[in-house]
Amino acid sequence: MREGKQCSELFINTQNWIHVKKEANFPTDNDGVVALDEAVWGKHLMNIVGDHAEIAGQRVGFNVDTVYRNVLEKVQQQQ
């Protein structure tokens, strides 16, 4: 997720809307769709820098294979 950084043009409006919610005590670091605090499930292993489409493998030029390989290595280290 892009913590405090700009998302791609596809998610800039929703990222900014989530940031505006900071005044209402909403989490603000997000990928343009999901807030960072809401994305953690189970044991937190790492943060991924990318917007929602990049992390889902839908953005040309973003190497999602490397990201998921790193995630798998982290999971294997925990076992």
PDB file of N, CA and C in Angstrom:
ATOM      1  N   MET A   1       0.835  -1.165   0.000  1.00  0.00           N
ATOM      2  CA  MET A   1       0.000   0.000   0.000  1.00  0.00           C
ATOM      3  C   MET A   1       0.886   1.235   0.000  1.00  0.00           C
ATOM      4  N   ARG A   2       0.376   2.262  -0.551  1.00  0.00           N
ATOM      5  CA  ARG A   2       1.129   3.505  -0.577  1.00  0.00           C
ATOM      6  C   ARG A   2       0.822   4.286   0.686  1.00  0.00           C
ATOM      7  N   GLU A   3       1.702   4.179   1.654  1.00  0.00           N
ATOM      8  CA  GLU A   3       1.484   4.848   2.936  1.00  0.00           C
ATOM      9  C   GLU A   3       1.802   6.333   2.789  1.00  0.00           C
ATOM     10  N   GLY A   4       0.768   7.147   2.764  1.00  0.00           N
ATOM     11  CA  GLY A   4       0.945   8.585   2.669  1.00  0.00           C
ATOM     12  C   GLY A   4       1.446   9.050   1.322  1.00  0.00           C
ATOM     13  N   LYS A   5       1.456   8.185   0.318  1.00  0.00           N
ATOM     14  CA  LYS A   5       1.927   8.553  -1.018  1.00  0.00           C
ATOM     15  C   LYS A   5       0.758   8.528  -1.982  1.00  0.00           C
ATOM     16  N   GLN A   6       0.963   9.070  -3.154  1.00  0.00           N
ATOM     17  CA  GLN A   6      -0.087   9.134  -4.154  1.00  0.00           C
ATOM     18  C   GLN A   6      -0.300   7.783  -4.823  1.00  0.00           C
ATOM     19  N   CYS A   7      -1.558   7.426  -5.013  1.00  0.00           N
ATOM     20  CA  CYS A   7      -1.917   6.253  -5.796  1.00  0.00           C
ATOM     21  C   CYS A   7      -1.846   6.620  -7.273  1.00  0.00           C
ATOM     22  N   SER A   8      -2.034   5.635  -8.118  1.00  0.00           N
ATOM     23  CA  SER A   8      -2.118   5.909  -9.543  1.00  0.00           C
ATOM     24  C   SER A   8      -3.383   6.721  -9.821  1.00  0.00           C
ATOM     25  N   GLU A   9      -3.481   7.240 -11.037  1.00  0.00           N
ATOM     26  CA  GLU A   9      -4.608   8.100 -11.407  1.00  0.00           C
ATOM     27  C   GLU A   9      -5.962   7.400 -11.244  1.00  0.00           C
ATOM     28  N   LEU A  10      -5.989   6.096 -11.333  1.00  0.00           N
ATOM     29  CA  LEU A  10      -7.237   5.355 -11.207  1.00  0.00           C
ATOM     30  C   LEU A  10      -7.852   5.484  -9.813  1.00  0.00           C
ATOM     31  N   PHE A  11      -7.006   5.594  -8.774  1.00  0.00           N
ATOM     32  CA  PHE A  11      -7.492   5.586  -7.401  1.00  0.00           C
ATOM     33  C   PHE A  11      -7.247   6.885  -6.640  1.00  0.00           C
ATOM     34  N   ILE A  12      -6.795   7.934  -7.313  1.00  0.00           N
ATOM     35  CA  ILE A  12      -6.439   9.168  -6.618  1.00  0.00           C
ATOM     36  C   ILE A  12      -7.647   9.787  -5.901  1.00  0.00           C
ATOM     37  N   ASN A  13      -8.828   9.751  -6.511  1.00  0.00           N
ATOM     38  CA  ASN A  13     -10.003  10.353  -5.872  1.00  0.00           C
ATOM     39  C   ASN A  13     -10.413   9.602  -4.614  1.00  0.00           C
ATOM     40  N   THR A  14     -10.433   8.273  -4.671  1.00  0.00           N
ATOM     41  CA  THR A  14     -10.818   7.519  -3.480  1.00  0.00           C
ATOM     42  C   THR A  14      -9.738   7.599  -2.407  1.00  0.00           C
ATOM     43  N   GLN A  15      -8.463   7.653  -2.819  1.00  0.00           N
ATOM     44  CA  GLN A  15      -7.394   7.805  -1.824  1.00  0.00           C
ATOM     45  C   GLN A  15      -7.548   9.132  -1.098  1.00  0.00           C
ATOM     46  N   ASN A  16      -7.819  10.185  -1.835  1.00  0.00           N
ATOM     47  CA  ASN A  16      -7.995  11.495  -1.215  1.00  0.00           C
ATOM     48  C   ASN A  16      -9.220  11.525  -0.309  1.00  0.00           C
ATOM     49  N   TRP A  17     -10.303  10.862  -0.699  1.00  0.00           N
ATOM     50  CA  TRP A  17     -11.501  10.818   0.128  1.00  0.00           C
ATOM     51  C   TRP A  17     -11.203  10.114   1.454  1.00  0.00           C
ATOM     52  N   ILE A  18     -10.466   9.027   1.397  1.00  0.00           N
ATOM     53  CA  ILE A  18     -10.106   8.318   2.629  1.00  0.00           C
ATOM     54  C   ILE A  18      -9.232   9.215   3.507  1.00  0.00           C
ATOM     55  N   HIS A  19      -8.326   9.988   2.898  1.00  0.00           N
ATOM     56  CA  HIS A  19      -7.480  10.907   3.668  1.00  0.00           C
ATOM     57  C   HIS A  19      -8.319  11.993   4.354  1.00  0.00           C
ATOM     58  N   VAL A  20      -9.366  12.464   3.700  1.00  0.00           N
ATOM     59  CA  VAL A  20     -10.231  13.479   4.297  1.00  0.00           C
ATOM     60  C   VAL A  20     -10.901  12.930   5.553  1.00  0.00           C
ATOM     61  N   LYS A  21     -11.167  11.643   5.581  1.00  0.00           N
ATOM     62  CA  LYS A  21     -11.819  11.002   6.722  1.00  0.00           C
ATOM     63  C   LYS A  21     -10.936  10.983   7.968  1.00  0.00           C
ATOM     64  N   LYS A  22      -9.678  11.397   7.852  1.00  0.00           N
ATOM     65  CA  LYS A  22      -8.772  11.415   8.999  1.00  0.00           C
ATOM     66  C   LYS A  22      -9.362  12.224  10.150  1.00  0.00           C
ATOM     67  N   GLU A  23     -10.033  13.300   9.822  1.00  0.00           N
ATOM     68  CA  GLU A  23     -10.627  14.147  10.863  1.00  0.00           C
ATOM     69  C   GLU A  23     -11.679  13.402  11.674  1.00  0.00           C
ATOM     70  N   ALA A  24     -12.258  12.340  11.107  1.00  0.00           N
ATOM     71  CA  ALA A  24     -13.272  11.540  11.800  1.00  0.00           C
ATOM     72  C   ALA A  24     -12.640  10.276  12.407  1.00  0.00           C
ATOM     73  N   ASN A  25     -11.317  10.297  12.603  1.00  0.00           N
ATOM     74  CA  ASN A  25     -10.564   9.174  13.168  1.00  0.00           C
ATOM     75  C   ASN A  25     -10.600   7.917  12.324  1.00  0.00           C
ATOM     76  N   PHE A  26     -10.727   8.048  11.013  1.00  0.00           N
ATOM     77  CA  PHE A  26     -10.620   6.911  10.117  1.00  0.00           C
ATOM     78  C   PHE A  26      -9.139   6.695   9.815  1.00  0.00           C
ATOM     79  N   PRO A  27      -8.725   5.448   9.528  1.00  0.00           N
ATOM     80  CA  PRO A  27      -7.339   5.241   9.097  1.00  0.00           C
ATOM     81  C   PRO A  27      -7.129   5.923   7.749  1.00  0.00           C
ATOM     82  N   THR A  28      -5.944   6.473   7.515  1.00  0.00           N
ATOM     83  CA  THR A  28      -5.738   7.241   6.290  1.00  0.00           C
ATOM     84  C   THR A  28      -4.774   6.619   5.307  1.00  0.00           C
ATOM     85  N   ASP A  29      -3.808   5.825   5.737  1.00  0.00           N
ATOM     86  CA  ASP A  29      -2.913   5.180   4.784  1.00  0.00           C
ATOM     87  C   ASP A  29      -3.713   4.115   4.055  1.00  0.00           C
ATOM     88  N   ASN A  30      -3.688   4.153   2.712  1.00  0.00           N
ATOM     89  CA  ASN A  30      -4.549   3.261   1.945  1.00  0.00           C
ATOM     90  C   ASN A  30      -4.004   3.044   0.545  1.00  0.00           C
ATOM     91  N   ASP A  31      -4.582   2.057  -0.149  1.00  0.00           N
ATOM     92  CA  ASP A  31      -4.188   1.765  -1.523  1.00  0.00           C
ATOM     93  C   ASP A  31      -5.171   2.348  -2.533  1.00  0.00           C
ATOM     94  N   GLY A  32      -6.010   3.244  -2.084  1.00  0.00           N
ATOM     95  CA  GLY A  32      -7.027   3.847  -2.943  1.00  0.00           C
ATOM     96  C   GLY A  32      -8.373   3.162  -2.805  1.00  0.00           C
ATOM     97  N   VAL A  33      -8.401   2.000  -2.153  1.00  0.00           N
ATOM     98  CA  VAL A  33      -9.643   1.267  -1.936  1.00  0.00           C
ATOM     99  C   VAL A  33      -9.740   0.783  -0.491  1.00  0.00           C
ATOM    100  N   VAL A  34      -8.661   0.207   0.017  1.00  0.00           N
ATOM    101  CA  VAL A  34      -8.660  -0.400   1.347  1.00  0.00           C
ATOM    102  C   VAL A  34      -7.684   0.343   2.254  1.00  0.00           C
ATOM    103  N   ALA A  35      -8.129   0.695   3.456  1.00  0.00           N
ATOM    104  CA  ALA A  35      -7.242   1.334   4.429  1.00  0.00           C
ATOM    105  C   ALA A  35      -6.246   0.312   4.965  1.00  0.00           C
ATOM    106  N   LEU A  36      -5.032   0.756   5.228  1.00  0.00           N
ATOM    107  CA  LEU A  36      -3.971  -0.125   5.697  1.00  0.00           C
ATOM    108  C   LEU A  36      -4.377  -0.885   6.958  1.00  0.00           C
ATOM    109  N   ASP A  37      -4.988  -0.202   7.898  1.00  0.00           N
ATOM    110  CA  ASP A  37      -5.408  -0.858   9.144  1.00  0.00           C
ATOM    111  C   ASP A  37      -6.428  -1.967   8.902  1.00  0.00           C
ATOM    112  N   GLU A  38      -7.206  -1.854   7.839  1.00  0.00           N
ATOM    113  CA  GLU A  38      -8.238  -2.844   7.539  1.00  0.00           C
ATOM    114  C   GLU A  38      -7.712  -3.998   6.690  1.00  0.00           C
ATOM    115  N   ALA A  39      -6.513  -3.855   6.142  1.00  0.00           N
ATOM    116  CA  ALA A  39      -5.955  -4.878   5.260  1.00  0.00           C
ATOM    117  C   ALA A  39      -5.194  -5.962   6.020  1.00  0.00           C
ATOM    118  N   VAL A  40      -4.849  -5.705   7.257  1.00  0.00           N
ATOM    119  CA  VAL A  40      -4.091  -6.677   8.038  1.00  0.00           C
ATOM    120  C   VAL A  40      -5.031  -7.806   8.466  1.00  0.00           C
ATOM    121  N   TRP A  41      -4.614  -9.024   8.168  1.00  0.00           N
ATOM    122  CA  TRP A  41      -5.405 -10.201   8.519  1.00  0.00           C
ATOM    123  C   TRP A  41      -4.446 -11.267   9.023  1.00  0.00           C
ATOM    124  N   GLY A  42      -4.699 -11.775  10.190  1.00  0.00           N
ATOM    125  CA  GLY A  42      -3.764 -12.738  10.771  1.00  0.00           C
ATOM    126  C   GLY A  42      -2.527 -12.020  11.278  1.00  0.00           C
ATOM    127  N   LYS A  43      -1.397 -12.674  11.226  1.00  0.00           N
ATOM    128  CA  LYS A  43      -0.144 -12.079  11.683  1.00  0.00           C
ATOM    129  C   LYS A  43       0.413 -11.166  10.595  1.00  0.00           C
ATOM    130  N   HIS A  44       0.713  -9.927  10.957  1.00  0.00           N
ATOM    131  CA  HIS A  44       1.257  -8.968   9.995  1.00  0.00           C
ATOM    132  C   HIS A  44       2.697  -9.340   9.666  1.00  0.00           C
ATOM    133  N   LEU A  45       3.000  -9.528   8.387  1.00  0.00           N
ATOM    134  CA  LEU A  45       4.342  -9.913   7.961  1.00  0.00           C
ATOM    135  C   LEU A  45       5.094  -8.790   7.275  1.00  0.00           C
ATOM    136  N   MET A  46       4.379  -7.977   6.487  1.00  0.00           N
ATOM    137  CA  MET A  46       5.050  -6.926   5.730  1.00  0.00           C
ATOM    138  C   MET A  46       4.028  -5.981   5.114  1.00  0.00           C
ATOM    139  N   ASN A  47       4.479  -4.806   4.732  1.00  0.00           N
ATOM    140  CA  ASN A  47       3.678  -3.869   3.955  1.00  0.00           C
ATOM    141  C   ASN A  47       4.144  -3.950   2.509  1.00  0.00           C
ATOM    142  N   ILE A  48       3.217  -3.766   1.603  1.00  0.00           N
ATOM    143  CA  ILE A  48       3.529  -3.766   0.172  1.00  0.00           C
ATOM    144  C   ILE A  48       3.231  -2.383  -0.363  1.00  0.00           C
ATOM    145  N   VAL A  49       4.188  -1.784  -1.039  1.00  0.00           N
ATOM    146  CA  VAL A  49       3.983  -0.456  -1.615  1.00  0.00           C
ATOM    147  C   VAL A  49       3.395  -0.617  -3.013  1.00  0.00           C
ATOM    148  N   GLY A  50       2.151  -0.184  -3.169  1.00  0.00           N
ATOM    149  CA  GLY A  50       1.461  -0.256  -4.447  1.00  0.00           C
ATOM    150  C   GLY A  50       0.012   0.129  -4.255  1.00  0.00           C
ATOM    151  N   ASP A  51      -0.656   0.508  -5.344  1.00  0.00           N
ATOM    152  CA  ASP A  51      -2.077   0.800  -5.202  1.00  0.00           C
ATOM    153  C   ASP A  51      -2.871  -0.490  -5.383  1.00  0.00           C
ATOM    154  N   HIS A  52      -4.181  -0.405  -5.283  1.00  0.00           N
ATOM    155  CA  HIS A  52      -5.037  -1.589  -5.272  1.00  0.00           C
ATOM    156  C   HIS A  52      -4.860  -2.428  -6.541  1.00  0.00           C
ATOM    157  N   ALA A  53      -4.815  -1.797  -7.698  1.00  0.00           N
ATOM    158  CA  ALA A  53      -4.663  -2.524  -8.961  1.00  0.00           C
ATOM    159  C   ALA A  53      -3.287  -3.178  -9.059  1.00  0.00           C
ATOM    160  N   GLU A  54      -2.260  -2.491  -8.598  1.00  0.00           N
ATOM    161  CA  GLU A  54      -0.912  -3.061  -8.652  1.00  0.00           C
ATOM    162  C   GLU A  54      -0.811  -4.309  -7.789  1.00  0.00           C
ATOM    163  N   ILE A  55      -1.320  -4.238  -6.573  1.00  0.00           N
ATOM    164  CA  ILE A  55      -1.242  -5.367  -5.656  1.00  0.00           C
ATOM    165  C   ILE A  55      -2.056  -6.553  -6.172  1.00  0.00           C
ATOM    166  N   ALA A  56      -3.133  -6.273  -6.895  1.00  0.00           N
ATOM    167  CA  ALA A  56      -3.970  -7.335  -7.457  1.00  0.00           C
ATOM    168  C   ALA A  56      -3.432  -7.860  -8.788  1.00  0.00           C
ATOM    169  N   GLY A  57      -2.298  -7.314  -9.244  1.00  0.00           N
ATOM    170  CA  GLY A  57      -1.695  -7.790 -10.488  1.00  0.00           C
ATOM    171  C   GLY A  57      -2.344  -7.255 -11.746  1.00  0.00           C
ATOM    172  N   GLN A  58      -3.034  -6.122 -11.645  1.00  0.00           N
ATOM    173  CA  GLN A  58      -3.755  -5.561 -12.780  1.00  0.00           C
ATOM    174  C   GLN A  58      -3.076  -4.346 -13.403  1.00  0.00           C
ATOM    175  N   ARG A  59      -1.857  -4.046 -13.012  1.00  0.00           N
ATOM    176  CA  ARG A  59      -1.179  -2.845 -13.515  1.00  0.00           C
ATOM    177  C   ARG A  59       0.067  -3.260 -14.305  1.00  0.00           C
ATOM    178  N   VAL A  60       0.124  -2.880 -15.573  1.00  0.00           N
ATOM    179  CA  VAL A  60       1.284  -3.169 -16.409  1.00  0.00           C
ATOM    180  C   VAL A  60       2.498  -2.446 -15.848  1.00  0.00           C
ATOM    181  N   GLY A  61       3.605  -3.135 -15.759  1.00  0.00           N
ATOM    182  CA  GLY A  61       4.839  -2.528 -15.283  1.00  0.00           C
ATOM    183  C   GLY A  61       5.089  -2.712 -13.797  1.00  0.00           C
ATOM    184  N   PHE A  62       4.122  -3.233 -13.064  1.00  0.00           N
ATOM    185  CA  PHE A  62       4.304  -3.502 -11.642  1.00  0.00           C
ATOM    186  C   PHE A  62       4.568  -4.987 -11.504  1.00  0.00           C
ATOM    187  N   ASN A  63       5.700  -5.341 -10.925  1.00  0.00           N
ATOM    188  CA  ASN A  63       6.103  -6.737 -10.839  1.00  0.00           C
ATOM    189  C   ASN A  63       5.471  -7.412  -9.631  1.00  0.00           C
ATOM    190  N   VAL A  64       4.228  -7.840  -9.787  1.00  0.00           N
ATOM    191  CA  VAL A  64       3.503  -8.468  -8.687  1.00  0.00           C
ATOM    192  C   VAL A  64       4.080  -9.843  -8.352  1.00  0.00           C
ATOM    193  N   ASP A  65       4.718 -10.502  -9.315  1.00  0.00           N
ATOM    194  CA  ASP A  65       5.330 -11.810  -9.044  1.00  0.00           C
ATOM    195  C   ASP A  65       6.384 -11.709  -7.951  1.00  0.00           C
ATOM    196  N   THR A  66       7.210 -10.685  -8.024  1.00  0.00           N
ATOM    197  CA  THR A  66       8.237 -10.473  -7.007  1.00  0.00           C
ATOM    198  C   THR A  66       7.602 -10.197  -5.649  1.00  0.00           C
ATOM    199  N   VAL A  67       6.553  -9.413  -5.642  1.00  0.00           N
ATOM    200  CA  VAL A  67       5.861  -9.089  -4.390  1.00  0.00           C
ATOM    201  C   VAL A  67       5.354 -10.362  -3.734  1.00  0.00           C
ATOM    202  N   TYR A  68       4.643 -11.189  -4.493  1.00  0.00           N
ATOM    203  CA  TYR A  68       4.073 -12.399  -3.906  1.00  0.00           C
ATOM    204  C   TYR A  68       5.135 -13.433  -3.556  1.00  0.00           C
ATOM    205  N   ARG A  69       6.240 -13.443  -4.287  1.00  0.00           N
ATOM    206  CA  ARG A  69       7.363 -14.320  -3.923  1.00  0.00           C
ATOM    207  C   ARG A  69       7.917 -13.905  -2.556  1.00  0.00           C
ATOM    208  N   ASN A  70       8.045 -12.600  -2.344  1.00  0.00           N
ATOM    209  CA  ASN A  70       8.514 -12.094  -1.049  1.00  0.00           C
ATOM    210  C   ASN A  70       7.543 -12.440   0.071  1.00  0.00           C
ATOM    211  N   VAL A  71       6.247 -12.345  -0.205  1.00  0.00           N
ATOM    212  CA  VAL A  71       5.236 -12.698   0.789  1.00  0.00           C
ATOM    213  C   VAL A  71       5.360 -14.178   1.141  1.00  0.00           C
ATOM    214  N   LEU A  72       5.494 -15.034   0.138  1.00  0.00           N
ATOM    215  CA  LEU A  72       5.630 -16.469   0.392  1.00  0.00           C
ATOM    216  C   LEU A  72       6.875 -16.790   1.213  1.00  0.00           C
ATOM    217  N   GLU A  73       7.979 -16.100   0.917  1.00  0.00           N
ATOM    218  CA  GLU A  73       9.200 -16.310   1.701  1.00  0.00           C
ATOM    219  C   GLU A  73       8.978 -15.929   3.167  1.00  0.00           C
ATOM    220  N   LYS A  74       8.271 -14.821   3.402  1.00  0.00           N
ATOM    221  CA  LYS A  74       7.975 -14.397   4.774  1.00  0.00           C
ATOM    222  C   LYS A  74       7.120 -15.444   5.495  1.00  0.00           C
ATOM    223  N   VAL A  75       6.126 -15.996   4.788  1.00  0.00           N
ATOM    224  CA  VAL A  75       5.257 -17.006   5.375  1.00  0.00           C
ATOM    225  C   VAL A  75       6.079 -18.255   5.727  1.00  0.00           C
ATOM    226  N   GLN A  76       6.939 -18.669   4.806  1.00  0.00           N
ATOM    227  CA  GLN A  76       7.771 -19.846   5.056  1.00  0.00           C
ATOM    228  C   GLN A  76       8.709 -19.642   6.237  1.00  0.00           C
ATOM    229  N   GLN A  77       9.217 -18.446   6.421  1.00  0.00           N
ATOM    230  CA  GLN A  77      10.096 -18.141   7.546  1.00  0.00           C
ATOM    231  C   GLN A  77       9.350 -18.254   8.881  1.00  0.00           C
ATOM    232  N   GLN A  78       8.049 -18.033   8.853  1.00  0.00           N
ATOM    233  CA  GLN A  78       7.252 -18.064  10.093  1.00  0.00           C
ATOM    234  C   GLN A  78       6.899 -19.487  10.530  1.00  0.00           C
ATOM    235  N   GLN A  79       7.044 -20.444   9.617  1.00  0.00           N
ATOM    236  CA  GLN A  79       6.653 -21.817   9.937  1.00  0.00           C
ATOM    237  C   GLN A  79       7.776 -22.589  10.593  1.00  0.00           C
TER     238      GLN A  79
END
